[in-house]
Amino acid sequence: MTIANTRLMRNMAKTGHYKRLVDSLLASAILFLITAISAIGMMYMPQDLEHYWFTLTSALFAMGIYSFVATGSMLYHVLTTIYSPQTSNPR
């Protein structure tokens, strides 16, 4: 059984909630990509600018972690709602 064929996912797609969930996941991945690029750039910075780059990279990493945790909890709530034991037929 796929989760795409459930009533909840169809309703989320109609109302735009599914797109927001996927966009949030994409934003989290982009934050981690920017963090990785910033960390690579930090390796080639002069010693006096290293502190600023470290602060920037740490802030981006913290935002990425927060974004992934928020998106993961939203996805967890969707999946537990779909597969809850109270529903006899999750479709």
Foldseek 3Di string as FASTA:
>chain_A
DDPCPFPVNVVCVVVVVVVVLVVLVVVLVVLVVVLVVLVVVLVPDDPVCNVVSVVVSVVSVVVSVVSVVVSVVVVVVSVCVLPPPVDPHSD
